Amino acid sequence: MGAPLPPNKDDFTTVVSRPGISQEQFTKLMQTDDAIDIFGEITYHDSYGEKYETTFCLSHLFTGAIKYRKEGNGIN
């Protein structure tokens, strides 16, 4: 199952963590599947004023790929 993006569309963003992780710790995390996760929530309204919340969860893999996780993703 892939991320919910239209064909040929790329989305990019940057996520910043708290300071204090050493280069050694960072290298170890980057070499481990699912050691770095990104969770987020987007709140928005449609043209009728209905409120929606979309949550997402992504995980970094050792290969450098980003995994779209089944858990933590949804639209309310």
PDB file of N, CA and C in Angstrom:
ATOM      1  N   MET A   1       0.845  -1.180   0.000  1.00  0.00           N
ATOM      2  CA  MET A   1       0.000   0.000   0.000  1.00  0.00           C
ATOM      3  C   MET A   1       0.886   1.236   0.000  1.00  0.00           C
ATOM      4  N   GLY A   2       0.682   2.112  -0.937  1.00  0.00           N
ATOM      5  CA  GLY A   2       1.493   3.316  -1.036  1.00  0.00           C
ATOM      6  C   GLY A   2       0.820   4.517  -0.394  1.00  0.00           C
ATOM      7  N   ALA A   3       1.553   5.600  -0.327  1.00  0.00           N
ATOM      8  CA  ALA A   3       1.019   6.843   0.226  1.00  0.00           C
ATOM      9  C   ALA A   3      -0.075   7.397  -0.674  1.00  0.00           C
ATOM     10  N   PRO A   4      -1.045   8.127  -0.123  1.00  0.00           N
ATOM     11  CA  PRO A   4      -2.153   8.636  -0.919  1.00  0.00           C
ATOM     12  C   PRO A   4      -1.769   9.884  -1.716  1.00  0.00           C
ATOM     13  N   LEU A   5      -1.006   9.705  -2.770  1.00  0.00           N
ATOM     14  CA  LEU A   5      -0.589  10.808  -3.632  1.00  0.00           C
ATOM     15  C   LEU A   5      -1.019  10.534  -5.059  1.00  0.00           C
ATOM     16  N   PRO A   6      -1.406  11.562  -5.800  1.00  0.00           N
ATOM     17  CA  PRO A   6      -1.711  11.363  -7.212  1.00  0.00           C
ATOM     18  C   PRO A   6      -0.461  10.887  -7.960  1.00  0.00           C
ATOM     19  N   PRO A   7      -0.634  10.213  -9.094  1.00  0.00           N
ATOM     20  CA  PRO A   7       0.516   9.763  -9.886  1.00  0.00           C
ATOM     21  C   PRO A   7       1.425  10.934 -10.263  1.00  0.00           C
ATOM     22  N   ASN A   8       2.717  10.694 -10.239  1.00  0.00           N
ATOM     23  CA  ASN A   8       3.733  11.688 -10.626  1.00  0.00           C
ATOM     24  C   ASN A   8       3.776  12.915  -9.736  1.00  0.00           C
ATOM     25  N   LYS A   9       3.307  12.825  -8.504  1.00  0.00           N
ATOM     26  CA  LYS A   9       3.348  13.964  -7.592  1.00  0.00           C
ATOM     27  C   LYS A   9       4.268  13.642  -6.425  1.00  0.00           C
ATOM     28  N   ASP A  10       5.188  14.546  -6.156  1.00  0.00           N
ATOM     29  CA  ASP A  10       6.089  14.415  -5.014  1.00  0.00           C
ATOM     30  C   ASP A  10       5.788  15.513  -4.012  1.00  0.00           C
ATOM     31  N   ASP A  11       5.770  15.189  -2.734  1.00  0.00           N
ATOM     32  CA  ASP A  11       5.616  16.160  -1.665  1.00  0.00           C
ATOM     33  C   ASP A  11       6.871  16.105  -0.802  1.00  0.00           C
ATOM     34  N   PHE A  12       7.375  17.268  -0.398  1.00  0.00           N
ATOM     35  CA  PHE A  12       8.563  17.339   0.430  1.00  0.00           C
ATOM     36  C   PHE A  12       8.313  18.262   1.607  1.00  0.00           C
ATOM     37  N   THR A  13       8.934  17.944   2.723  1.00  0.00           N
ATOM     38  CA  THR A  13       8.889  18.805   3.895  1.00  0.00           C
ATOM     39  C   THR A  13      10.077  18.470   4.792  1.00  0.00           C
ATOM     40  N   THR A  14      10.300  19.257   5.805  1.00  0.00           N
ATOM     41  CA  THR A  14      11.396  19.030   6.743  1.00  0.00           C
ATOM     42  C   THR A  14      10.824  18.927   8.151  1.00  0.00           C
ATOM     43  N   VAL A  15      11.320  17.990   8.920  1.00  0.00           N
ATOM     44  CA  VAL A  15      10.916  17.829  10.311  1.00  0.00           C
ATOM     45  C   VAL A  15      12.177  17.959  11.156  1.00  0.00           C
ATOM     46  N   VAL A  16      12.097  18.779  12.190  1.00  0.00           N
ATOM     47  CA  VAL A  16      13.252  19.037  13.049  1.00  0.00           C
ATOM     48  C   VAL A  16      13.007  18.403  14.416  1.00  0.00           C
ATOM     49  N   SER A  17      14.005  17.680  14.916  1.00  0.00           N
ATOM     50  CA  SER A  17      13.879  17.068  16.245  1.00  0.00           C
ATOM     51  C   SER A  17      14.519  17.966  17.293  1.00  0.00           C
ATOM     52  N   ARG A  18      14.293  17.598  18.530  1.00  0.00           N
ATOM     53  CA  ARG A  18      14.918  18.331  19.633  1.00  0.00           C
ATOM     54  C   ARG A  18      16.436  18.197  19.560  1.00  0.00           C
ATOM     55  N   PRO A  19      17.167  19.225  19.977  1.00  0.00           N
ATOM     56  CA  PRO A  19      18.641  19.125  19.999  1.00  0.00           C
ATOM     57  C   PRO A  19      19.105  18.080  21.011  1.00  0.00           C
ATOM     58  N   GLY A  20      20.314  17.596  20.835  1.00  0.00           N
ATOM     59  CA  GLY A  20      20.898  16.710  21.825  1.00  0.00           C
ATOM     60  C   GLY A  20      21.238  15.327  21.316  1.00  0.00           C
ATOM     61  N   ILE A  21      20.898  15.006  20.081  1.00  0.00           N
ATOM     62  CA  ILE A  21      21.265  13.705  19.531  1.00  0.00           C
ATOM     63  C   ILE A  21      22.666  13.820  18.935  1.00  0.00           C
ATOM     64  N   SER A  22      23.557  12.950  19.363  1.00  0.00           N
ATOM     65  CA  SER A  22      24.926  12.990  18.850  1.00  0.00           C
ATOM     66  C   SER A  22      24.982  12.428  17.426  1.00  0.00           C
ATOM     67  N   GLN A  23      26.056  12.719  16.726  1.00  0.00           N
ATOM     68  CA  GLN A  23      26.229  12.183  15.372  1.00  0.00           C
ATOM     69  C   GLN A  23      26.240  10.657  15.402  1.00  0.00           C
ATOM     70  N   GLU A  24      26.838  10.079  16.424  1.00  0.00           N
ATOM     71  CA  GLU A  24      26.879   8.618  16.558  1.00  0.00           C
ATOM     72  C   GLU A  24      25.471   8.036  16.721  1.00  0.00           C
ATOM     73  N   GLN A  25      24.659   8.662  17.575  1.00  0.00           N
ATOM     74  CA  GLN A  25      23.281   8.205  17.762  1.00  0.00           C
ATOM     75  C   GLN A  25      22.485   8.348  16.464  1.00  0.00           C
ATOM     76  N   PHE A  26      22.653   9.482  15.794  1.00  0.00           N
ATOM     77  CA  PHE A  26      21.940   9.729  14.545  1.00  0.00           C
ATOM     78  C   PHE A  26      22.301   8.688  13.497  1.00  0.00           C
ATOM     79  N   THR A  27      23.577   8.385  13.354  1.00  0.00           N
ATOM     80  CA  THR A  27      24.034   7.382  12.388  1.00  0.00           C
ATOM     81  C   THR A  27      23.421   6.026  12.688  1.00  0.00           C
ATOM     82  N   LYS A  28      23.392   5.648  13.978  1.00  0.00           N
ATOM     83  CA  LYS A  28      22.800   4.366  14.359  1.00  0.00           C
ATOM     84  C   LYS A  28      21.304   4.331  14.024  1.00  0.00           C
ATOM     85  N   LEU A  29      20.581   5.414  14.305  1.00  0.00           N
ATOM     86  CA  LEU A  29      19.160   5.485  13.986  1.00  0.00           C
ATOM     87  C   LEU A  29      18.919   5.377  12.485  1.00  0.00           C
ATOM     88  N   MET A  30      19.740   6.042  11.690  1.00  0.00           N
ATOM     89  CA  MET A  30      19.578   6.032  10.239  1.00  0.00           C
ATOM     90  C   MET A  30      19.868   4.656   9.646  1.00  0.00           C
ATOM     91  N   GLN A  31      20.598   3.817  10.365  1.00  0.00           N
ATOM     92  CA  GLN A  31      20.938   2.479   9.883  1.00  0.00           C
ATOM     93  C   GLN A  31      19.986   1.403  10.410  1.00  0.00           C
ATOM     94  N   THR A  32      18.874   1.833  11.023  1.00  0.00           N
ATOM     95  CA  THR A  32      17.919   0.895  11.615  1.00  0.00           C
ATOM     96  C   THR A  32      16.526   1.171  11.057  1.00  0.00           C
ATOM     97  N   ASP A  33      15.878   0.137  10.518  1.00  0.00           N
ATOM     98  CA  ASP A  33      14.502   0.288  10.028  1.00  0.00           C
ATOM     99  C   ASP A  33      13.565   0.714  11.148  1.00  0.00           C
ATOM    100  N   ASP A  34      12.692   1.643  10.854  1.00  0.00           N
ATOM    101  CA  ASP A  34      11.635   2.103  11.760  1.00  0.00           C
ATOM    102  C   ASP A  34      12.146   2.735  13.054  1.00  0.00           C
ATOM    103  N   ALA A  35      13.392   3.193  13.092  1.00  0.00           N
ATOM    104  CA  ALA A  35      13.919   3.836  14.294  1.00  0.00           C
ATOM    105  C   ALA A  35      13.513   5.302  14.361  1.00  0.00           C
ATOM    106  N   ILE A  36      13.159   5.879  13.213  1.00  0.00           N
ATOM    107  CA  ILE A  36      12.724   7.274  13.158  1.00  0.00           C
ATOM    108  C   ILE A  36      11.327   7.301  12.545  1.00  0.00           C
ATOM    109  N   ASP A  37      10.363   7.801  13.316  1.00  0.00           N
ATOM    110  CA  ASP A  37       8.987   7.931  12.853  1.00  0.00           C
ATOM    111  C   ASP A  37       8.587   9.400  12.872  1.00  0.00           C
ATOM    112  N   ILE A  38       7.696   9.749  11.983  1.00  0.00           N
ATOM    113  CA  ILE A  38       7.131  11.096  11.949  1.00  0.00           C
ATOM    114  C   ILE A  38       5.616  10.949  12.024  1.00  0.00           C
ATOM    115  N   PHE A  39       5.022  11.581  13.029  1.00  0.00           N
ATOM    116  CA  PHE A  39       3.578  11.592  13.199  1.00  0.00           C
ATOM    117  C   PHE A  39       3.104  13.023  13.025  1.00  0.00           C
ATOM    118  N   GLY A  40       1.956  13.203  12.396  1.00  0.00           N
ATOM    119  CA  GLY A  40       1.424  14.550  12.240  1.00  0.00           C
ATOM    120  C   GLY A  40      -0.080  14.548  12.114  1.00  0.00           C
ATOM    121  N   GLU A  41      -0.649  15.730  12.302  1.00  0.00           N
ATOM    122  CA  GLU A  41      -2.084  15.900  12.154  1.00  0.00           C
ATOM    123  C   GLU A  41      -2.331  17.209  11.419  1.00  0.00           C
ATOM    124  N   ILE A  42      -3.206  17.166  10.431  1.00  0.00           N
ATOM    125  CA  ILE A  42      -3.574  18.358   9.672  1.00  0.00           C
ATOM    126  C   ILE A  42      -5.065  18.582   9.888  1.00  0.00           C
ATOM    127  N   THR A  43      -5.434  19.782  10.321  1.00  0.00           N
ATOM    128  CA  THR A  43      -6.830  20.145  10.528  1.00  0.00           C
ATOM    129  C   THR A  43      -7.220  21.152   9.461  1.00  0.00           C
ATOM    130  N   TYR A  44      -8.362  20.928   8.817  1.00  0.00           N
ATOM    131  CA  TYR A  44      -8.792  21.827   7.739  1.00  0.00           C
ATOM    132  C   TYR A  44     -10.316  21.801   7.617  1.00  0.00           C
ATOM    133  N   HIS A  45     -10.858  22.753   6.864  1.00  0.00           N
ATOM    134  CA  HIS A  45     -12.300  22.883   6.648  1.00  0.00           C
ATOM    135  C   HIS A  45     -12.597  22.850   5.157  1.00  0.00           C
ATOM    136  N   ASP A  46     -13.736  22.254   4.789  1.00  0.00           N
ATOM    137  CA  ASP A  46     -14.139  22.273   3.382  1.00  0.00           C
ATOM    138  C   ASP A  46     -14.933  23.557   3.104  1.00  0.00           C
ATOM    139  N   SER A  47     -15.418  23.716   1.876  1.00  0.00           N
ATOM    140  CA  SER A  47     -16.110  24.946   1.486  1.00  0.00           C
ATOM    141  C   SER A  47     -17.450  25.116   2.194  1.00  0.00           C
ATOM    142  N   TYR A  48     -17.959  24.064   2.852  1.00  0.00           N
ATOM    143  CA  TYR A  48     -19.200  24.152   3.609  1.00  0.00           C
ATOM    144  C   TYR A  48     -18.946  24.387   5.099  1.00  0.00           C
ATOM    145  N   GLY A  49     -17.685  24.510   5.476  1.00  0.00           N
ATOM    146  CA  GLY A  49     -17.339  24.749   6.872  1.00  0.00           C
ATOM    147  C   GLY A  49     -17.177  23.490   7.698  1.00  0.00           C
ATOM    148  N   GLU A  50     -17.287  22.317   7.077  1.00  0.00           N
ATOM    149  CA  GLU A  50     -17.078  21.060   7.809  1.00  0.00           C
ATOM    150  C   GLU A  50     -15.599  20.919   8.177  1.00  0.00           C
ATOM    151  N   LYS A  51     -15.351  20.536   9.409  1.00  0.00           N
ATOM    152  CA  LYS A  51     -13.977  20.372   9.895  1.00  0.00           C
ATOM    153  C   LYS A  51     -13.514  18.933   9.671  1.00  0.00           C
ATOM    154  N   TYR A  52     -12.280  18.783   9.218  1.00  0.00           N
ATOM    155  CA  TYR A  52     -11.666  17.473   9.004  1.00  0.00           C
ATOM    156  C   TYR A  52     -10.300  17.442   9.674  1.00  0.00           C
ATOM    157  N   GLU A  53      -9.905  16.261  10.089  1.00  0.00           N
ATOM    158  CA  GLU A  53      -8.559  16.043  10.627  1.00  0.00           C
ATOM    159  C   GLU A  53      -7.962  14.842   9.919  1.00  0.00           C
ATOM    160  N   THR A  54      -6.778  15.021   9.407  1.00  0.00           N
ATOM    161  CA  THR A  54      -6.061  13.934   8.757  1.00  0.00           C
ATOM    162  C   THR A  54      -4.781  13.674   9.538  1.00  0.00           C
ATOM    163  N   THR A  55      -4.576  12.431   9.939  1.00  0.00           N
ATOM    164  CA  THR A  55      -3.349  12.071  10.636  1.00  0.00           C
ATOM    165  C   THR A  55      -2.471  11.241   9.704  1.00  0.00           C
ATOM    166  N   PHE A  56      -1.174  11.328   9.929  1.00  0.00           N
ATOM    167  CA  PHE A  56      -0.258  10.539   9.119  1.00  0.00           C
ATOM    168  C   PHE A  56       0.898  10.038   9.966  1.00  0.00           C
ATOM    169  N   CYS A  57       1.471   8.932   9.513  1.00  0.00           N
ATOM    170  CA  CYS A  57       2.623   8.338  10.187  1.00  0.00           C
ATOM    171  C   CYS A  57       3.558   7.786   9.116  1.00  0.00           C
ATOM    172  N   LEU A  58       4.785   8.227   9.133  1.00  0.00           N
ATOM    173  CA  LEU A  58       5.808   7.784   8.191  1.00  0.00           C
ATOM    174  C   LEU A  58       6.991   7.252   8.985  1.00  0.00           C
ATOM    175  N   SER A  59       7.733   6.342   8.392  1.00  0.00           N
ATOM    176  CA  SER A  59       8.869   5.721   9.069  1.00  0.00           C
ATOM    177  C   SER A  59      10.059   5.652   8.117  1.00  0.00           C
ATOM    178  N   HIS A  60      11.248   5.913   8.631  1.00  0.00           N
ATOM    179  CA  HIS A  60      12.480   5.860   7.840  1.00  0.00           C
ATOM    180  C   HIS A  60      13.031   4.434   7.818  1.00  0.00           C
ATOM    181  N   LEU A  61      13.433   3.983   6.630  1.00  0.00           N
ATOM    182  CA  LEU A  61      14.038   2.659   6.496  1.00  0.00           C
ATOM    183  C   LEU A  61      15.534   2.785   6.228  1.00  0.00           C
ATOM    184  N   PHE A  62      16.276   1.745   6.558  1.00  0.00           N
ATOM    185  CA  PHE A  62      17.733   1.717   6.390  1.00  0.00           C
ATOM    186  C   PHE A  62      18.155   2.062   4.958  1.00  0.00           C
ATOM    187  N   THR A  63      17.354   1.666   3.975  1.00  0.00           N
ATOM    188  CA  THR A  63      17.684   1.914   2.565  1.00  0.00           C
ATOM    189  C   THR A  63      17.568   3.382   2.182  1.00  0.00           C
ATOM    190  N   GLY A  64      16.956   4.196   3.063  1.00  0.00           N
ATOM    191  CA  GLY A  64      16.718   5.601   2.759  1.00  0.00           C
ATOM    192  C   GLY A  64      15.289   5.848   2.315  1.00  0.00           C
ATOM    193  N   ALA A  65      14.542   4.770   2.088  1.00  0.00           N
ATOM    194  CA  ALA A  65      13.145   4.896   1.687  1.00  0.00           C
ATOM    195  C   ALA A  65      12.302   5.339   2.885  1.00  0.00           C
ATOM    196  N   ILE A  66      11.147   5.926   2.579  1.00  0.00           N
ATOM    197  CA  ILE A  66      10.193   6.321   3.601  1.00  0.00           C
ATOM    198  C   ILE A  66       8.987   5.397   3.499  1.00  0.00           C
ATOM    199  N   LYS A  67       8.626   4.783   4.607  1.00  0.00           N
ATOM    200  CA  LYS A  67       7.499   3.843   4.638  1.00  0.00           C
ATOM    201  C   LYS A  67       6.253   4.569   5.126  1.00  0.00           C
ATOM    202  N   TYR A  68       5.173   4.407   4.380  1.00  0.00           N
ATOM    203  CA  TYR A  68       3.857   4.898   4.771  1.00  0.00           C
ATOM    204  C   TYR A  68       3.233   3.821   5.647  1.00  0.00           C
ATOM    205  N   ARG A  69       3.067   4.115   6.932  1.00  0.00           N
ATOM    206  CA  ARG A  69       2.586   3.110   7.875  1.00  0.00           C
ATOM    207  C   ARG A  69       1.072   3.009   7.858  1.00  0.00           C
ATOM    208  N   LYS A  70       0.555   1.792   8.040  1.00  0.00           N
ATOM    209  CA  LYS A  70      -0.890   1.607   8.135  1.00  0.00           C
ATOM    210  C   LYS A  70      -1.449   2.215   9.408  1.00  0.00           C
ATOM    211  N   GLU A  71      -0.710   2.092  10.513  1.00  0.00           N
ATOM    212  CA  GLU A  71      -1.138   2.619  11.795  1.00  0.00           C
ATOM    213  C   GLU A  71      -0.929   4.129  11.818  1.00  0.00           C
ATOM    214  N   GLY A  72      -1.830   4.848  12.453  1.00  0.00           N
ATOM    215  CA  GLY A  72      -1.644   6.272  12.638  1.00  0.00           C
ATOM    216  C   GLY A  72      -2.051   7.129  11.454  1.00  0.00           C
ATOM    217  N   ASN A  73      -2.662   6.553  10.438  1.00  0.00           N
ATOM    218  CA  ASN A  73      -3.114   7.309   9.280  1.00  0.00           C
ATOM    219  C   ASN A  73      -4.630   7.250   9.222  1.00  0.00           C
ATOM    220  N   GLY A  74      -5.254   8.389   9.019  1.00  0.00           N
ATOM    221  CA  GLY A  74      -6.703   8.379   8.931  1.00  0.00           C
ATOM    222  C   GLY A  74      -7.282   9.748   8.667  1.00  0.00           C
ATOM    223  N   ILE A  75      -8.527   9.768   8.243  1.00  0.00           N
ATOM    224  CA  ILE A  75      -9.250  11.009   8.017  1.00  0.00           C
ATOM    225  C   ILE A  75     -10.521  10.961   8.851  1.00  0.00           C
ATOM    226  N   ASN A  76     -10.747  12.024   9.630  1.00  0.00           N
ATOM    227  CA  ASN A  76     -11.963  12.144  10.453  1.00  0.00           C
ATOM    228  C   ASN A  76     -12.710  13.391  10.060  1.00  0.00           C
TER     229      ASN A  76
END
